[in-house]
Amino acid sequence: MSKDGLATLDDLLKQAKTTNRLLAAQLKAQMSQMDVIRLLSDLGLTAREIGEILGTSAATVAVTQQRLRNKKKKKTED
């Protein structure tokens, strides 16, 4: 908090990260990690951002995103 009692940018970022992690935990309890990654990707988040939210690496997220694209491509070919 700043001297005037207002939240600083750092405070707001920490709060947003905590909120994101809590929401991700709720989603993971109801969905597979692949489905959560699909959802967050569809919302426009990057692999790095998704990794931070889910507590995993951007590389793991990127691999899952590629698998999702391959599944989608295979469905459209059938």
Foldseek 3Di string as FASTA:
>chain_A
DDPVPDDDPVRVVVVVLVVLLVVVVVVVVVDPPLVVLVVVVVVPDQLCVSCSSPVHHSVVSVVSVVVVVVVVVVVVVD
